[in-house]
Amino acid sequence: ERHPSEAPPERNRCLGAYVLGPDGVVHSFRARAVVLATGGAGKVYLYTTNPDVATGDGMAMAFRAGLELRNLEFVQFHPTCLYNPGGAAGEADEAGRRFLLSEALRGEGGLLVRRDGTRLMEGVHPLKDLAPRDVVARAIDADMKRTGAACLYLDMTARPRAYLEERFPTIYARCKSLGLDMARDPLPVVPAAHFFCGGVETDTSGRTALPGLYAAGETAHTGLHGANRLASNSLLEGAVIAQRLADAAAAGWDAERRRPLPPAAPWDTKGAVPLDEGVIVAQNWDAIRRLMWNYVGIVRSDRRLRQAQERLAITSREVSDVYWRFLLTRDLIEVRNIALLAELIVGCALSRHESRGLHYNVDHLGALDSERRDSIASRGLGRTLAGQEAGRP
């Protein structure tokens, strides 16, 4: 018996969603139009500027519904995030979450330096500290790996205190709360995963290939960001596509609302029992994110990508087994989603035999005309999870 999600999306239809409520119960919601706007998947990586909810949920749901994801290898890493390994005093935030230090700081004269005060970007790029963020992120990453340093520094001490406090009040206050004086102390910085240029394939009105399902924002791939997003263009994209999406959904609403919706089948737990080994989820969560940071990060190689693929296959089988055996929790859903997205990111990266935009592979330096194409994550790339989960949403 074939699961409905195995049908081609254009011959299928989205009729609603199953939603895990705060009560731990999965609720059924019927809808004539469903919009995926769950953001990106920064939590696939150990260090990210993204909030805890950025676990690629919308991308993963769309993939399981049979839709294509595109260009997942183009992950933007912000070069200058505040390095604070222990978290701020009294905060519950995990150490891996990074406070973003705006590129405007470098625009206002900030210099990237090593611990000894020597400048990082001298001789790296003609624009030096004003080089594109992917160039700067790679330079920081390479220097940290070469020297073993935990971080580099962004030096703003050439600017007066009053100017910094007025021009960058939020950053100034955050640094001050951590005991850092921007006017006196170079700020410790590291790169962190920031934005996904790829996602669920849509048109420029947010339509996916599955009737009734739309996607917008970082969840979607409209193609507007190419291989390397320009700063703030995601906000513009979100505003424009959201309006176009609403217009597209409204255009056929009179006819659509007369279409009867079939009853929603209740969620089938298939005999699952309460989760009694949360340590497995925590271990897999950490293993995936650390592996992605070390093997599929800012600078990649064919060897590391293949090793990541092999190790993820083992971890993903364990994640899938836990998912099937236990009742759902938020952590279980999210680790399942980052496991799937990690596999698909690696698959897309291995399919691109060049370096372009945000994808930098030391074994394939330079862009090739023959590789000027989208990478496509279809069911064939998710060899482990996608093959085992066809029977469950």
Protein backbone atom coordinates (compact mmCIF):
# COMPACT_ATOMS: atom_id res chain seq x y z
CA GLU A 1 0.00 0.00 0.00
CA ARG A 2 1.38 3.37 -1.01
CA HIS A 3 1.31 6.35 1.33
CA PRO A 4 -0.42 9.47 -0.13
CA SER A 5 2.81 11.46 0.15
CA GLU A 6 4.37 9.15 -2.45
CA ALA A 7 2.07 10.51 -5.16
CA PRO A 8 3.49 13.29 -7.36
CA PRO A 9 2.71 16.58 -5.56
CA GLU A 10 0.83 18.04 -8.54
CA ARG A 11 -1.61 15.08 -8.29
CA ASN A 12 -2.02 15.49 -4.56
CA ARG A 13 -3.34 18.26 -2.30
CA CYS A 14 -2.54 19.78 1.08
CA LEU A 15 -5.65 19.72 3.28
CA GLY A 16 -4.27 20.94 6.61
CA ALA A 17 -1.68 20.04 9.21
CA TYR A 18 -1.05 17.94 12.27
CA VAL A 19 0.18 20.15 15.11
CA LEU A 20 1.76 19.10 18.41
CA GLY A 21 0.14 21.21 21.11
CA PRO A 22 1.64 22.34 24.42
CA ASP A 23 -0.45 19.60 26.04
CA GLY A 24 1.60 16.97 24.21
CA VAL A 25 -1.36 15.96 22.05
CA VAL A 26 -1.26 16.04 18.25
CA HIS A 27 -4.21 18.03 16.91
CA SER A 28 -5.65 17.92 13.39
CA PHE A 29 -6.30 21.20 11.56
CA ARG A 30 -8.10 21.28 8.23
CA ALA A 31 -7.40 24.15 5.85
CA ARG A 32 -7.82 25.04 2.21
CA ALA A 33 -4.54 26.93 2.21
CA VAL A 34 -1.48 26.20 4.35
CA VAL A 35 1.56 28.47 4.50
CA LEU A 36 4.97 27.23 5.60
CA ALA A 37 6.79 30.17 7.22
CA THR A 38 8.94 28.41 9.81
CA GLY A 39 12.21 30.17 9.00
CA GLY A 40 15.52 28.53 8.27
CA ALA A 41 17.58 25.68 9.71
CA GLY A 42 20.45 27.37 11.52
CA LYS A 43 20.17 24.91 14.41
CA VAL A 44 21.53 22.20 12.12
CA TYR A 45 24.88 23.79 12.99
CA LEU A 46 26.59 23.94 16.37
CA TYR A 47 26.91 27.74 16.29
CA THR A 48 24.18 29.95 14.87
CA THR A 49 22.66 33.40 15.15
CA ASN A 50 19.22 31.82 14.79
CA PRO A 51 16.67 31.24 17.56
CA ASP A 52 16.03 27.77 18.96
CA VAL A 53 13.02 27.24 16.68
CA ALA A 54 15.12 27.40 13.47
CA THR A 55 15.22 23.62 13.00
CA GLY A 56 14.11 23.47 9.37
CA ASP A 57 10.63 22.20 10.25
CA GLY A 58 8.86 23.64 7.20
CA MET A 59 11.56 22.40 4.83
CA ALA A 60 11.41 18.91 6.33
CA MET A 61 7.60 18.75 6.19
CA ALA A 62 7.59 19.84 2.57
CA PHE A 63 10.23 17.26 1.65
CA ARG A 64 8.21 14.48 3.27
CA ALA A 65 5.17 15.65 1.32
CA GLY A 66 7.11 14.95 -1.88
CA LEU A 67 8.29 18.48 -2.71
CA GLU A 68 11.75 19.42 -3.95
CA LEU A 69 14.18 21.44 -1.86
CA ARG A 70 16.80 23.40 -3.77
CA ASN A 71 20.27 24.84 -3.17
CA LEU A 72 20.61 23.74 0.45
CA GLU A 73 24.40 23.89 0.19
CA PHE A 74 24.26 27.69 0.09
CA VAL A 75 24.39 28.42 3.82
CA GLN A 76 25.45 31.91 4.83
CA PHE A 77 27.72 32.19 7.86
CA HIS A 78 27.82 35.59 9.51
CA PRO A 79 31.48 36.42 10.16
CA THR A 80 31.23 38.51 13.32
CA CYS A 81 29.15 37.06 16.11
CA LEU A 82 30.04 37.80 19.70
CA TYR A 83 32.05 34.94 21.20
CA ASN A 84 30.62 34.15 24.60
CA PRO A 85 31.27 30.46 25.28
CA GLY A 86 29.71 30.36 28.71
CA GLY A 87 26.64 32.45 28.04
CA ALA A 88 25.90 35.66 29.88
CA ALA A 89 25.70 35.47 33.65
CA GLY A 90 22.23 34.43 34.77
CA GLU A 91 21.06 33.56 31.27
CA ALA A 92 19.56 30.24 30.27
CA ASP A 93 20.65 30.66 26.64
CA GLU A 94 22.82 27.88 25.32
CA ALA A 95 26.45 28.76 24.69
CA GLY A 96 26.12 27.98 20.98
CA ARG A 97 23.73 30.84 20.32
CA ARG A 98 25.59 33.88 19.07
CA PHE A 99 24.74 37.56 19.39
CA LEU A 100 25.20 39.11 15.95
CA LEU A 101 27.59 42.04 15.66
CA SER A 102 26.39 44.05 12.69
CA GLU A 103 28.56 44.47 9.61
CA ALA A 104 27.88 48.18 10.09
CA LEU A 105 30.59 48.04 12.76
CA ARG A 106 33.19 47.32 10.09
CA GLY A 107 31.54 49.94 7.90
CA GLU A 108 32.21 52.43 10.69
CA GLY A 109 35.90 51.60 10.89
CA GLY A 110 35.99 48.34 12.84
CA LEU A 111 39.08 46.21 12.22
CA LEU A 112 39.43 42.44 12.48
CA VAL A 113 42.55 41.59 14.47
CA ARG A 114 44.25 38.64 16.10
CA ARG A 115 45.03 38.45 19.81
CA ASP A 116 48.40 40.11 19.17
CA GLY A 117 46.71 43.03 17.38
CA THR A 118 47.83 42.15 13.84
CA ARG A 119 45.19 42.74 11.18
CA LEU A 120 43.49 39.71 9.65
CA MET A 121 42.29 41.03 6.30
CA GLU A 122 45.53 42.63 5.12
CA GLY A 123 46.45 40.87 1.88
CA VAL A 124 43.30 38.72 1.91
CA HIS A 125 41.03 40.95 -0.19
CA PRO A 126 41.37 44.38 -1.82
CA LEU A 127 38.54 45.70 0.35
CA LYS A 128 40.23 44.37 3.49
CA ASP A 129 37.76 44.55 6.41
CA LEU A 130 34.94 45.60 4.07
CA ALA A 131 35.21 42.43 1.98
CA PRO A 132 32.01 40.39 1.36
CA ARG A 133 30.86 38.46 4.39
CA ASP A 134 31.58 35.02 2.90
CA VAL A 135 35.20 36.07 2.26
CA VAL A 136 35.53 37.44 5.78
CA ALA A 137 33.93 34.35 7.34
CA ARG A 138 36.33 32.05 5.47
CA ALA A 139 39.32 34.17 6.51
CA ILE A 140 38.32 34.03 10.19
CA ASP A 141 37.60 30.31 10.01
CA ALA A 142 40.94 29.58 8.30
CA ASP A 143 42.93 31.64 10.80
CA MET A 144 41.21 30.00 13.78
CA LYS A 145 41.91 26.53 12.38
CA ARG A 146 45.54 27.42 11.60
CA THR A 147 46.33 28.91 15.01
CA GLY A 148 43.93 26.98 17.21
CA ALA A 149 42.52 30.26 18.52
CA ALA A 150 39.02 30.14 19.99
CA CYS A 151 38.12 33.48 18.40
CA LEU A 152 39.40 36.62 16.70
CA TYR A 153 38.61 40.23 17.61
CA LEU A 154 36.71 43.17 16.18
CA ASP A 155 38.45 46.37 17.26
CA MET A 156 36.24 49.46 17.55
CA THR A 157 38.49 51.33 19.98
CA ALA A 158 39.36 54.03 17.43
CA ARG A 159 35.83 55.43 17.86
CA PRO A 160 34.88 57.61 20.87
CA ARG A 161 32.69 56.05 23.55
CA ALA A 162 29.89 58.58 23.06
CA TYR A 163 29.76 57.84 19.33
CA LEU A 164 29.58 54.06 19.85
CA GLU A 165 26.88 54.38 22.49
CA GLU A 166 24.75 56.59 20.25
CA ARG A 167 25.38 54.80 16.94
CA PHE A 168 25.13 51.22 18.24
CA PRO A 169 23.02 51.37 21.42
CA THR A 170 21.85 47.72 21.38
CA ILE A 171 25.30 46.28 20.68
CA TYR A 172 26.91 48.63 23.20
CA ALA A 173 24.42 47.61 25.90
CA ARG A 174 24.82 43.89 25.16
CA CYS A 175 28.59 44.08 25.32
CA LYS A 176 28.43 46.11 28.51
CA SER A 177 26.19 43.44 30.10
CA LEU A 178 28.97 40.92 29.38
CA GLY A 179 31.67 43.13 30.87
CA LEU A 180 33.01 44.32 27.52
CA ASP A 181 33.72 47.99 26.89
CA MET A 182 33.54 48.63 23.13
CA ALA A 183 35.55 51.81 23.46
CA ARG A 184 38.37 50.02 25.26
CA ASP A 185 38.16 46.28 24.54
CA PRO A 186 38.42 44.56 21.14
CA LEU A 187 35.32 42.34 20.90
CA PRO A 188 35.84 38.55 20.61
CA VAL A 189 34.13 37.24 17.44
CA VAL A 190 33.51 33.96 15.62
CA PRO A 191 31.46 33.04 12.54
CA ALA A 192 28.04 31.36 12.95
CA ALA A 193 25.39 29.89 10.66
CA HIS A 194 23.05 32.70 9.73
CA PHE A 195 20.84 32.22 6.63
CA PHE A 196 19.77 29.52 4.15
CA CYS A 197 19.53 30.69 0.54
CA GLY A 198 17.91 27.36 -0.38
CA GLY A 199 14.62 25.85 0.71
CA VAL A 200 11.25 24.66 -0.56
CA GLU A 201 10.93 25.33 -4.28
CA THR A 202 8.22 27.94 -4.95
CA ASP A 203 7.28 30.42 -7.63
CA THR A 204 7.45 34.15 -6.95
CA SER A 205 3.97 34.05 -5.43
CA GLY A 206 4.89 31.46 -2.82
CA ARG A 207 3.12 28.55 -4.53
CA THR A 208 4.68 25.10 -4.18
CA ALA A 209 4.05 22.21 -6.57
CA LEU A 210 1.53 20.82 -4.05
CA PRO A 211 -1.86 22.53 -4.49
CA GLY A 212 -3.01 24.22 -1.30
CA LEU A 213 0.51 24.56 0.12
CA TYR A 214 2.54 27.78 0.06
CA ALA A 215 5.92 28.73 1.50
CA ALA A 216 7.49 32.10 2.26
CA GLY A 217 10.53 33.60 3.91
CA GLU A 218 13.67 31.60 4.65
CA THR A 219 11.71 28.35 4.38
CA ALA A 220 11.22 28.96 0.66
CA HIS A 221 13.55 28.97 -2.31
CA THR A 222 12.38 31.60 -4.76
CA GLY A 223 15.79 31.91 -6.41
CA LEU A 224 15.99 35.59 -5.51
CA HIS A 225 19.11 35.16 -3.37
CA GLY A 226 21.13 33.15 -5.87
CA ALA A 227 24.18 31.56 -4.29
CA ASN A 228 24.92 34.37 -1.83
CA ARG A 229 22.33 36.63 -0.23
CA LEU A 230 22.97 40.35 0.00
CA ALA A 231 22.40 41.87 3.42
CA SER A 232 18.76 42.76 4.21
CA ASN A 233 17.41 41.31 0.95
CA SER A 234 15.64 38.59 2.93
CA LEU A 235 13.46 41.22 4.63
CA LEU A 236 12.54 42.66 1.25
CA GLU A 237 11.84 39.20 -0.14
CA GLY A 238 9.65 38.32 2.83
CA ALA A 239 7.56 41.47 2.50
CA VAL A 240 7.09 41.17 -1.26
CA ILE A 241 6.46 37.42 -1.45
CA ALA A 242 4.07 37.49 1.51
CA GLN A 243 1.90 40.06 -0.30
CA ARG A 244 2.05 38.14 -3.57
CA LEU A 245 1.22 34.92 -1.73
CA ALA A 246 -1.82 36.47 -0.09
CA ASP A 247 -2.98 37.81 -3.46
CA ALA A 248 -2.49 34.40 -5.10
CA ALA A 249 -4.44 32.59 -2.37
CA ALA A 250 -7.23 35.17 -2.47
CA ALA A 251 -7.55 35.03 -6.26
CA GLY A 252 -9.13 31.59 -6.25
CA TRP A 253 -10.74 31.78 -2.84
CA ASP A 254 -14.38 32.08 -3.96
CA ALA A 255 -14.17 28.82 -5.86
CA GLU A 256 -11.94 27.15 -3.29
CA ARG A 257 -14.17 27.75 -0.29
CA ARG A 258 -17.03 25.94 -2.02
CA ARG A 259 -14.90 22.81 -2.26
CA PRO A 260 -15.82 20.45 0.60
CA LEU A 261 -12.96 19.47 2.87
CA PRO A 262 -12.75 15.78 3.74
CA PRO A 263 -12.64 14.86 7.42
CA ALA A 264 -9.18 14.81 8.96
CA ALA A 265 -7.97 11.42 10.11
CA PRO A 266 -6.91 11.45 13.77
CA TRP A 267 -3.21 11.17 14.47
CA ASP A 268 -2.18 7.52 14.70
CA THR A 269 0.42 6.90 17.39
CA LYS A 270 0.95 3.33 16.09
CA GLY A 271 1.43 2.00 19.61
CA ALA A 272 4.16 4.49 20.57
CA VAL A 273 5.03 4.80 24.25
CA PRO A 274 6.26 7.78 26.31
CA LEU A 275 9.90 8.67 25.73
CA ASP A 276 12.00 7.25 28.56
CA GLU A 277 15.47 7.82 27.13
CA GLY A 278 15.82 11.53 26.48
CA VAL A 279 19.59 11.15 26.58
CA ILE A 280 19.43 9.51 23.12
CA VAL A 281 17.72 12.57 21.67
CA ALA A 282 20.21 14.91 23.36
CA GLN A 283 23.19 12.86 22.15
CA ASN A 284 21.98 12.77 18.54
CA TRP A 285 21.13 16.47 18.62
CA ASP A 286 24.64 17.37 19.69
CA ALA A 287 26.33 14.84 17.38
CA ILE A 288 24.54 16.12 14.27
CA ARG A 289 25.21 19.79 14.95
CA ARG A 290 28.86 19.27 15.84
CA LEU A 291 29.41 17.06 12.78
CA MET A 292 27.82 19.65 10.48
CA TRP A 293 29.95 22.44 11.95
CA ASN A 294 33.21 20.53 11.57
CA TYR A 295 32.57 18.71 8.28
CA VAL A 296 30.00 20.76 6.35
CA GLY A 297 30.80 24.27 7.52
CA ILE A 298 32.33 27.35 5.96
CA VAL A 299 35.10 25.49 4.10
CA ARG A 300 34.36 22.00 2.76
CA SER A 301 36.14 19.15 1.03
CA ASP A 302 34.94 16.05 -0.80
CA ARG A 303 36.48 13.81 1.83
CA ARG A 304 34.81 15.56 4.77
CA LEU A 305 31.47 15.62 2.93
CA ARG A 306 31.61 11.88 2.25
CA GLN A 307 32.58 11.18 5.86
CA ALA A 308 29.70 13.34 7.04
CA GLN A 309 27.31 11.44 4.78
CA GLU A 310 28.43 8.08 6.19
CA ARG A 311 28.19 9.20 9.82
CA LEU A 312 24.84 10.92 9.33
CA ALA A 313 23.40 7.72 7.86
CA ILE A 314 24.14 5.91 11.15
CA THR A 315 22.79 8.73 13.32
CA SER A 316 19.70 9.15 11.16
CA ARG A 317 18.78 5.48 11.48
CA GLU A 318 18.88 5.84 15.25
CA VAL A 319 16.81 9.04 15.14
CA SER A 320 14.22 7.37 12.91
CA ASP A 321 14.02 4.35 15.24
CA VAL A 322 13.42 6.58 18.27
CA TYR A 323 10.80 8.59 16.37
CA TRP A 324 8.79 5.48 15.52
CA ARG A 325 8.92 3.96 19.01
CA PHE A 326 8.04 6.92 21.22
CA LEU A 327 5.24 9.46 21.57
CA LEU A 328 6.10 12.80 20.08
CA THR A 329 7.80 15.62 21.94
CA ARG A 330 9.09 18.90 20.57
CA ASP A 331 12.69 17.75 20.97
CA LEU A 332 12.00 14.49 19.13
CA ILE A 333 10.34 16.30 16.21
CA GLU A 334 13.14 18.83 15.95
CA VAL A 335 16.01 16.33 16.09
CA ARG A 336 14.25 14.31 13.39
CA ASN A 337 14.04 17.41 11.23
CA ILE A 338 17.65 18.51 11.67
CA ALA A 339 18.79 14.95 10.93
CA LEU A 340 16.91 14.99 7.64
CA LEU A 341 18.07 18.50 6.70
CA ALA A 342 21.67 17.58 7.50
CA GLU A 343 21.53 14.65 5.09
CA LEU A 344 20.00 16.78 2.37
CA ILE A 345 22.53 19.61 2.82
CA VAL A 346 25.36 17.13 2.43
CA GLY A 347 23.71 15.58 -0.62
CA CYS A 348 23.34 18.98 -2.29
CA ALA A 349 26.93 19.92 -1.43
CA LEU A 350 28.29 16.68 -2.92
CA SER A 351 26.31 17.24 -6.11
CA ARG A 352 28.04 20.58 -6.79
CA HIS A 353 31.52 20.13 -8.25
CA GLU A 354 32.66 23.73 -7.95
CA SER A 355 32.95 26.61 -5.50
CA ARG A 356 30.20 29.17 -5.97
CA GLY A 357 28.85 31.81 -3.63
CA LEU A 358 28.47 30.38 -0.15
CA HIS A 359 29.56 26.86 -1.13
CA TYR A 360 33.37 26.68 -0.94
CA ASN A 361 35.01 23.33 -1.61
CA VAL A 362 38.82 23.13 -1.54
CA ASP A 363 38.68 20.24 -4.04
CA HIS A 364 36.72 22.27 -6.60
CA LEU A 365 37.98 25.86 -6.52
CA GLY A 366 36.32 28.35 -8.83
CA ALA A 367 32.89 28.48 -10.49
CA LEU A 368 32.10 26.52 -13.65
CA ASP A 369 29.60 27.39 -16.37
CA SER A 370 28.60 23.72 -16.47
CA GLU A 371 27.56 23.95 -12.79
CA ARG A 372 25.38 27.04 -13.22
CA ARG A 373 22.25 25.25 -12.02
CA ASP A 374 20.17 24.56 -8.95
CA SER A 375 20.98 21.54 -6.82
CA ILE A 376 17.85 19.52 -6.12
CA ALA A 377 17.09 17.55 -2.97
CA SER A 378 14.51 14.96 -3.86
CA ARG A 379 13.60 11.73 -2.11
CA GLY A 380 16.63 10.00 -3.59
CA LEU A 381 19.02 12.17 -1.56
CA GLY A 382 17.41 11.44 1.80
CA ARG A 383 18.52 7.85 1.62
CA THR A 384 17.93 6.97 5.24
CA LEU A 385 15.09 8.97 6.74
CA ALA A 386 13.14 9.67 3.56
CA GLY A 387 13.09 6.00 2.68
CA GLN A 388 11.87 4.89 6.10
CA GLU A 389 9.31 7.58 6.90
CA ALA A 390 6.94 7.40 3.93
CA GLY A 391 4.28 5.86 6.18
CA ARG A 392 4.17 8.70 8.68
CA PRO A 393 3.78 12.49 8.27
